[in-house]
Amino acid sequence: MRKSVLAFVFAAALPVGVALVIGIATFAAVGMFPSPRQAEASHKVVVVISGDLTGVDDVAGLPIHVGARASGPADSLEGQGFDVPPGPKAFGEPGDPVGYCRIPLTGTLAGNVVTLSGNVIFAHNPGDVGVPVTFTADASNGSITFDFGPFTFEGTGRVRIAHQ
């Protein structure tokens, strides 16, 4: 009789144990593998912008070199950028109206167009600290627009987008 009771208990417990193992395995797999929405949100993009631009309107003809690098999800890019006049004026006398600026950037990528914005945190000319800056660049044709406060610079250069 004891043998039949043990067989009955084992037979009754087996499905519960199997269900428990399957439940734990499913829970672990869901936690280990991201859903498609999570995978899309964590997709990393690296954007690199570099170009020689020319001022328009109030700064018509003024040459400037710009560069930026940002990475992260396409809807939440973060990085750094700079602008500097070409040639020996890049690091002239402190306080010169034109000089090197460094900008922390945030932005987005929509298709081939990246938009990065920030405020100058370091400048050869201290009066430029805090100036709002926006890069708008199109990887399909290399066009770059750089807005430095009220001044706009345009041109073409290298706009690279890498998906990781």
Foldseek 3Di string as FASTA:
>chain_A
DVVVVVVVVCVVCVVVVVVVVVVVVVVVVPVVDDDPVVVLQFWKKKKKAWDWWAWDDPRGGQIKIKIWIWMTRQAWIWTKMKMAGPDPRQQPQQQPPGYIWIFIWIWHDDPQKTKIKGATCDTSRVVRGGFIWMWIAGQVFQWIWICTRPIIIIDGDHIDMDID
